Amino acid sequence: WTSLILPLEVGKSRSKIIITTRNQNVA
């Protein structure tokens, strides 16, 4: 997860990532 999210965290402020999951651990 951190490997995936690392480059996404550089986006301008107020960027958003929505995740749909059935797995509470993922949430």
PDB file of all heavy atoms in Angstrom:
ATOM      1  N   TRP A   1       0.832  -1.202   0.000  1.00  0.00           N
ATOM      2  CA  TRP A   1       0.000   0.000   0.000  1.00  0.00           C
ATOM      3  C   TRP A   1       0.871   1.258   0.000  1.00  0.00           C
ATOM      4  O   TRP A   1       0.644   2.181  -0.770  1.00  0.00           O
ATOM      5  CB  TRP A   1      -0.950   0.003   1.195  1.00  0.00           C
ATOM      6  CG  TRP A   1      -1.607   1.332   1.398  1.00  0.00           C
ATOM      7  CD1 TRP A   1      -1.421   2.193   2.435  1.00  0.00           C
ATOM      8  CD2 TRP A   1      -2.542   1.977   0.521  1.00  0.00           C
ATOM      9  NE1 TRP A   1      -2.173   3.333   2.265  1.00  0.00           N
ATOM     10  CE2 TRP A   1      -2.880   3.219   1.097  1.00  0.00           C
ATOM     11  CE3 TRP A   1      -3.136   1.629  -0.686  1.00  0.00           C
ATOM     12  CZ2 TRP A   1      -3.771   4.103   0.500  1.00  0.00           C
ATOM     13  CZ3 TRP A   1      -4.028   2.520  -1.285  1.00  0.00           C
ATOM     14  CH2 TRP A   1      -4.330   3.738  -0.686  1.00  0.00           C
ATOM     15  N   THR A   2       1.874   1.309   0.867  1.00  0.00           N
ATOM     16  CA  THR A   2       2.723   2.493   0.933  1.00  0.00           C
ATOM     17  C   THR A   2       3.519   2.672  -0.354  1.00  0.00           C
ATOM     18  O   THR A   2       3.774   3.804  -0.778  1.00  0.00           O
ATOM     19  CB  THR A   2       3.671   2.461   2.153  1.00  0.00           C
ATOM     20  OG1 THR A   2       4.431   1.264   2.117  1.00  0.00           O
ATOM     21  CG2 THR A   2       2.907   2.562   3.454  1.00  0.00           C
ATOM     22  N   SER A   3       3.887   1.581  -0.986  1.00  0.00           N
ATOM     23  CA  SER A   3       4.592   1.670  -2.262  1.00  0.00           C
ATOM     24  C   SER A   3       3.694   2.289  -3.337  1.00  0.00           C
ATOM     25  O   SER A   3       4.152   3.058  -4.175  1.00  0.00           O
ATOM     26  CB  SER A   3       5.046   0.276  -2.695  1.00  0.00           C
ATOM     27  OG  SER A   3       5.744   0.346  -3.899  1.00  0.00           O
ATOM     28  N   LEU A   4       2.423   1.977  -3.289  1.00  0.00           N
ATOM     29  CA  LEU A   4       1.477   2.544  -4.257  1.00  0.00           C
ATOM     30  C   LEU A   4       1.177   4.005  -3.950  1.00  0.00           C
ATOM     31  O   LEU A   4       1.156   4.848  -4.840  1.00  0.00           O
ATOM     32  CB  LEU A   4       0.173   1.737  -4.258  1.00  0.00           C
ATOM     33  CG  LEU A   4      -0.964   2.316  -5.098  1.00  0.00           C
ATOM     34  CD1 LEU A   4      -0.599   2.313  -6.577  1.00  0.00           C
ATOM     35  CD2 LEU A   4      -2.244   1.547  -4.851  1.00  0.00           C
ATOM     36  N   ILE A   5       0.976   4.316  -2.706  1.00  0.00           N
ATOM     37  CA  ILE A   5       0.489   5.646  -2.328  1.00  0.00           C
ATOM     38  C   ILE A   5       1.578   6.711  -2.333  1.00  0.00           C
ATOM     39  O   ILE A   5       1.293   7.899  -2.502  1.00  0.00           O
ATOM     40  CB  ILE A   5      -0.220   5.571  -0.948  1.00  0.00           C
ATOM     41  CG1 ILE A   5      -1.123   6.780  -0.711  1.00  0.00           C
ATOM     42  CG2 ILE A   5       0.767   5.457   0.184  1.00  0.00           C
ATOM     43  CD1 ILE A   5      -2.314   6.838  -1.595  1.00  0.00           C
ATOM     44  N   LEU A   6       2.818   6.316  -2.173  1.00  0.00           N
ATOM     45  CA  LEU A   6       3.924   7.265  -2.066  1.00  0.00           C
ATOM     46  C   LEU A   6       3.922   8.330  -3.168  1.00  0.00           C
ATOM     47  O   LEU A   6       3.927   9.522  -2.872  1.00  0.00           O
ATOM     48  CB  LEU A   6       5.261   6.526  -2.028  1.00  0.00           C
ATOM     49  CG  LEU A   6       6.494   7.384  -1.835  1.00  0.00           C
ATOM     50  CD1 LEU A   6       6.488   8.028  -0.460  1.00  0.00           C
ATOM     51  CD2 LEU A   6       7.748   6.543  -2.016  1.00  0.00           C
ATOM     52  N   PRO A   7       3.882   7.974  -4.450  1.00  0.00           N
ATOM     53  CA  PRO A   7       3.892   9.030  -5.473  1.00  0.00           C
ATOM     54  C   PRO A   7       2.569   9.800  -5.565  1.00  0.00           C
ATOM     55  O   PRO A   7       2.537  10.916  -6.073  1.00  0.00           O
ATOM     56  CB  PRO A   7       4.177   8.281  -6.771  1.00  0.00           C
ATOM     57  CG  PRO A   7       3.740   6.896  -6.511  1.00  0.00           C
ATOM     58  CD  PRO A   7       3.955   6.647  -5.048  1.00  0.00           C
ATOM     59  N   LEU A   8       1.495   9.233  -5.065  1.00  0.00           N
ATOM     60  CA  LEU A   8       0.206   9.916  -5.125  1.00  0.00           C
ATOM     61  C   LEU A   8       0.118  11.038  -4.107  1.00  0.00           C
ATOM     62  O   LEU A   8      -0.686  11.946  -4.238  1.00  0.00           O
ATOM     63  CB  LEU A   8      -0.937   8.923  -4.905  1.00  0.00           C
ATOM     64  CG  LEU A   8      -1.015   7.761  -5.894  1.00  0.00           C
ATOM     65  CD1 LEU A   8      -2.187   6.864  -5.547  1.00  0.00           C
ATOM     66  CD2 LEU A   8      -1.115   8.248  -7.326  1.00  0.00           C
ATOM     67  N   GLU A   9       0.948  10.969  -3.083  1.00  0.00           N
ATOM     68  CA  GLU A   9       0.912  11.978  -2.029  1.00  0.00           C
ATOM     69  C   GLU A   9       1.520  13.311  -2.450  1.00  0.00           C
ATOM     70  O   GLU A   9       1.435  14.278  -1.715  1.00  0.00           O
ATOM     71  CB  GLU A   9       1.611  11.440  -0.773  1.00  0.00           C
ATOM     72  CG  GLU A   9       0.836  10.301  -0.142  1.00  0.00           C
ATOM     73  CD  GLU A   9       1.547   9.673   1.031  1.00  0.00           C
ATOM     74  OE1 GLU A   9       2.787   9.753   1.113  1.00  0.00           O
ATOM     75  OE2 GLU A   9       0.851   9.089   1.872  1.00  0.00           O
ATOM     76  N   VAL A  10       2.110  13.386  -3.645  1.00  0.00           N
ATOM     77  CA  VAL A  10       2.699  14.648  -4.089  1.00  0.00           C
ATOM     78  C   VAL A  10       1.692  15.549  -4.792  1.00  0.00           C
ATOM     79  O   VAL A  10       1.990  16.688  -5.080  1.00  0.00           O
ATOM     80  CB  VAL A  10       3.912  14.426  -5.038  1.00  0.00           C
ATOM     81  CG1 VAL A  10       4.965  13.611  -4.362  1.00  0.00           C
ATOM     82  CG2 VAL A  10       3.479  13.816  -6.355  1.00  0.00           C
ATOM     83  N   GLY A  11       0.506  15.037  -5.080  1.00  0.00           N
ATOM     84  CA  GLY A  11      -0.495  15.848  -5.766  1.00  0.00           C
ATOM     85  C   GLY A  11      -0.808  17.114  -4.998  1.00  0.00           C
ATOM     86  O   GLY A  11      -0.546  17.225  -3.803  1.00  0.00           O
ATOM     87  N   LYS A  12      -1.370  18.111  -5.695  1.00  0.00           N
ATOM     88  CA  LYS A  12      -1.758  19.363  -5.057  1.00  0.00           C
ATOM     89  C   LYS A  12      -2.637  19.077  -3.837  1.00  0.00           C
ATOM     90  O   LYS A  12      -3.300  18.056  -3.771  1.00  0.00           O
ATOM     91  CB  LYS A  12      -2.578  20.207  -6.030  1.00  0.00           C
ATOM     92  CG  LYS A  12      -1.788  20.986  -7.025  1.00  0.00           C
ATOM     93  CD  LYS A  12      -2.747  21.629  -7.981  1.00  0.00           C
ATOM     94  CE  LYS A  12      -2.615  23.113  -8.043  1.00  0.00           C
ATOM     95  NZ  LYS A  12      -3.528  23.698  -9.023  1.00  0.00           N
ATOM     96  N   SER A  13      -2.647  20.003  -2.924  1.00  0.00           N
ATOM     97  CA  SER A  13      -3.507  19.820  -1.762  1.00  0.00           C
ATOM     98  C   SER A  13      -4.955  19.691  -2.234  1.00  0.00           C
ATOM     99  O   SER A  13      -5.327  20.190  -3.288  1.00  0.00           O
ATOM    100  CB  SER A  13      -3.365  21.001  -0.809  1.00  0.00           C
ATOM    101  OG  SER A  13      -3.820  22.177  -1.421  1.00  0.00           O
ATOM    102  N   ARG A  14      -5.723  19.011  -1.450  1.00  0.00           N
ATOM    103  CA  ARG A  14      -7.135  18.740  -1.730  1.00  0.00           C
ATOM    104  C   ARG A  14      -7.325  17.648  -2.761  1.00  0.00           C
ATOM    105  O   ARG A  14      -8.412  17.457  -3.265  1.00  0.00           O
ATOM    106  CB  ARG A  14      -7.885  20.011  -2.080  1.00  0.00           C
ATOM    107  CG  ARG A  14      -7.820  21.027  -0.926  1.00  0.00           C
ATOM    108  CD  ARG A  14      -8.465  22.307  -1.254  1.00  0.00           C
ATOM    109  NE  ARG A  14      -9.868  22.086  -1.589  1.00  0.00           N
ATOM    110  CZ  ARG A  14     -10.841  22.891  -1.269  1.00  0.00           C
ATOM    111  NH1 ARG A  14     -10.584  23.948  -0.568  1.00  0.00           N
ATOM    112  NH2 ARG A  14     -12.073  22.634  -1.630  1.00  0.00           N
ATOM    113  N   SER A  15      -6.285  16.915  -3.106  1.00  0.00           N
ATOM    114  CA  SER A  15      -6.427  15.733  -3.934  1.00  0.00           C
ATOM    115  C   SER A  15      -7.089  14.653  -3.087  1.00  0.00           C
ATOM    116  O   SER A  15      -6.968  14.655  -1.861  1.00  0.00           O
ATOM    117  CB  SER A  15      -5.070  15.243  -4.440  1.00  0.00           C
ATOM    118  OG  SER A  15      -4.509  16.192  -5.328  1.00  0.00           O
ATOM    119  N   LYS A  16      -7.780  13.724  -3.729  1.00  0.00           N
ATOM    120  CA  LYS A  16      -8.536  12.706  -2.999  1.00  0.00           C
ATOM    121  C   LYS A  16      -8.367  11.330  -3.637  1.00  0.00           C
ATOM    122  O   LYS A  16      -8.248  11.205  -4.852  1.00  0.00           O
ATOM    123  CB  LYS A  16     -10.035  13.038  -2.974  1.00  0.00           C
ATOM    124  CG  LYS A  16     -10.374  14.378  -2.383  1.00  0.00           C
ATOM    125  CD  LYS A  16     -10.061  14.440  -0.917  1.00  0.00           C
ATOM    126  CE  LYS A  16     -10.356  15.829  -0.373  1.00  0.00           C
ATOM    127  NZ  LYS A  16      -9.621  16.146   0.793  1.00  0.00           N
ATOM    128  N   ILE A  17      -8.373  10.333  -2.773  1.00  0.00           N
ATOM    129  CA  ILE A  17      -8.380   8.944  -3.211  1.00  0.00           C
ATOM    130  C   ILE A  17      -9.554   8.273  -2.517  1.00  0.00           C
ATOM    131  O   ILE A  17      -9.662   8.310  -1.288  1.00  0.00           O
ATOM    132  CB  ILE A  17      -7.069   8.221  -2.857  1.00  0.00           C
ATOM    133  CG1 ILE A  17      -5.889   8.914  -3.529  1.00  0.00           C
ATOM    134  CG2 ILE A  17      -7.142   6.748  -3.272  1.00  0.00           C
ATOM    135  CD1 ILE A  17      -4.535   8.416  -3.077  1.00  0.00           C
ATOM    136  N   ILE A  18     -10.435   7.682  -3.305  1.00  0.00           N
ATOM    137  CA  ILE A  18     -11.580   6.941  -2.783  1.00  0.00           C
ATOM    138  C   ILE A  18     -11.281   5.462  -2.986  1.00  0.00           C
ATOM    139  O   ILE A  18     -10.890   5.055  -4.085  1.00  0.00           O
ATOM    140  CB  ILE A  18     -12.887   7.322  -3.516  1.00  0.00           C
ATOM    141  CG1 ILE A  18     -13.200   8.800  -3.297  1.00  0.00           C
ATOM    142  CG2 ILE A  18     -14.035   6.433  -3.060  1.00  0.00           C
ATOM    143  CD1 ILE A  18     -14.370   9.308  -4.135  1.00  0.00           C
ATOM    144  N   ILE A  19     -11.502   4.689  -1.946  1.00  0.00           N
ATOM    145  CA  ILE A  19     -11.258   3.254  -2.031  1.00  0.00           C
ATOM    146  C   ILE A  19     -12.549   2.532  -1.687  1.00  0.00           C
ATOM    147  O   ILE A  19     -13.175   2.813  -0.656  1.00  0.00           O
ATOM    148  CB  ILE A  19     -10.144   2.824  -1.052  1.00  0.00           C
ATOM    149  CG1 ILE A  19      -8.852   3.523  -1.436  1.00  0.00           C
ATOM    150  CG2 ILE A  19      -9.975   1.307  -1.045  1.00  0.00           C
ATOM    151  CD1 ILE A  19      -7.756   3.387  -0.426  1.00  0.00           C
ATOM    152  N   THR A  20     -12.959   1.613  -2.562  1.00  0.00           N
ATOM    153  CA  THR A  20     -14.080   0.748  -2.229  1.00  0.00           C
ATOM    154  C   THR A  20     -13.507  -0.604  -1.852  1.00  0.00           C
ATOM    155  O   THR A  20     -12.601  -1.123  -2.518  1.00  0.00           O
ATOM    156  CB  THR A  20     -15.086   0.595  -3.393  1.00  0.00           C
ATOM    157  OG1 THR A  20     -14.479  -0.108  -4.473  1.00  0.00           O
ATOM    158  CG2 THR A  20     -15.581   1.950  -3.879  1.00  0.00           C
ATOM    159  N   THR A  21     -14.020  -1.161  -0.773  1.00  0.00           N
ATOM    160  CA  THR A  21     -13.522  -2.450  -0.291  1.00  0.00           C
ATOM    161  C   THR A  21     -14.572  -3.129   0.578  1.00  0.00           C
ATOM    162  O   THR A  21     -15.422  -2.468   1.164  1.00  0.00           O
ATOM    163  CB  THR A  21     -12.211  -2.285   0.509  1.00  0.00           C
ATOM    164  OG1 THR A  21     -11.694  -3.573   0.835  1.00  0.00           O
ATOM    165  CG2 THR A  21     -12.410  -1.461   1.769  1.00  0.00           C
ATOM    166  N   ARG A  22     -14.480  -4.432   0.637  1.00  0.00           N
ATOM    167  CA  ARG A  22     -15.297  -5.214   1.579  1.00  0.00           C
ATOM    168  C   ARG A  22     -14.475  -5.577   2.810  1.00  0.00           C
ATOM    169  O   ARG A  22     -14.994  -6.121   3.759  1.00  0.00           O
ATOM    170  CB  ARG A  22     -15.759  -6.516   0.930  1.00  0.00           C
ATOM    171  CG  ARG A  22     -16.693  -6.325  -0.213  1.00  0.00           C
ATOM    172  CD  ARG A  22     -17.051  -7.661  -0.799  1.00  0.00           C
ATOM    173  NE  ARG A  22     -16.794  -7.592  -2.220  1.00  0.00           N
ATOM    174  CZ  ARG A  22     -16.765  -8.621  -3.018  1.00  0.00           C
ATOM    175  NH1 ARG A  22     -16.937  -9.816  -2.560  1.00  0.00           N
ATOM    176  NH2 ARG A  22     -16.534  -8.464  -4.296  1.00  0.00           N
ATOM    177  N   ASN A  23     -13.195  -5.302   2.759  1.00  0.00           N
ATOM    178  CA  ASN A  23     -12.256  -5.736   3.778  1.00  0.00           C
ATOM    179  C   ASN A  23     -12.007  -4.601   4.780  1.00  0.00           C
ATOM    180  O   ASN A  23     -11.421  -3.580   4.429  1.00  0.00           O
ATOM    181  CB  ASN A  23     -10.949  -6.158   3.090  1.00  0.00           C
ATOM    182  CG  ASN A  23      -9.920  -6.712   4.028  1.00  0.00           C
ATOM    183  OD1 ASN A  23      -9.870  -6.367   5.200  1.00  0.00           O
ATOM    184  ND2 ASN A  23      -9.064  -7.578   3.504  1.00  0.00           N
ATOM    185  N   GLN A  24     -12.439  -4.779   6.014  1.00  0.00           N
ATOM    186  CA  GLN A  24     -12.265  -3.744   7.038  1.00  0.00           C
ATOM    187  C   GLN A  24     -10.786  -3.463   7.319  1.00  0.00           C
ATOM    188  O   GLN A  24     -10.427  -2.344   7.668  1.00  0.00           O
ATOM    189  CB  GLN A  24     -12.980  -4.149   8.333  1.00  0.00           C
ATOM    190  CG  GLN A  24     -14.480  -4.018   8.236  1.00  0.00           C
ATOM    191  CD  GLN A  24     -14.915  -2.593   7.934  1.00  0.00           C
ATOM    192  OE1 GLN A  24     -14.464  -1.629   8.548  1.00  0.00           O
ATOM    193  NE2 GLN A  24     -15.805  -2.436   6.965  1.00  0.00           N
ATOM    194  N   ASN A  25      -9.919  -4.465   7.168  1.00  0.00           N
ATOM    195  CA  ASN A  25      -8.480  -4.239   7.360  1.00  0.00           C
ATOM    196  C   ASN A  25      -7.943  -3.273   6.317  1.00  0.00           C
ATOM    197  O   ASN A  25      -7.089  -2.436   6.612  1.00  0.00           O
ATOM    198  CB  ASN A  25      -7.700  -5.554   7.315  1.00  0.00           C
ATOM    199  CG  ASN A  25      -7.983  -6.421   8.522  1.00  0.00           C
ATOM    200  OD1 ASN A  25      -8.279  -5.923   9.593  1.00  0.00           O
ATOM    201  ND2 ASN A  25      -7.909  -7.723   8.332  1.00  0.00           N
ATOM    202  N   VAL A  26      -8.424  -3.378   5.087  1.00  0.00           N
ATOM    203  CA  VAL A  26      -8.019  -2.437   4.033  1.00  0.00           C
ATOM    204  C   VAL A  26      -8.496  -1.043   4.388  1.00  0.00           C
ATOM    205  O   VAL A  26      -7.750  -0.070   4.270  1.00  0.00           O
ATOM    206  CB  VAL A  26      -8.567  -2.873   2.654  1.00  0.00           C
ATOM    207  CG1 VAL A  26      -8.384  -1.771   1.616  1.00  0.00           C
ATOM    208  CG2 VAL A  26      -7.899  -4.155   2.186  1.00  0.00           C
ATOM    209  N   ALA A  27      -9.724  -0.933   4.842  1.00  0.00           N
ATOM    210  CA  ALA A  27     -10.267   0.377   5.212  1.00  0.00           C
ATOM    211  C   ALA A  27      -9.438   1.019   6.319  1.00  0.00           C
ATOM    212  O   ALA A  27      -9.131   2.209   6.261  1.00  0.00           O
ATOM    213  CB  ALA A  27     -11.726   0.234   5.650  1.00  0.00           C
TER     214      ALA A  27
END
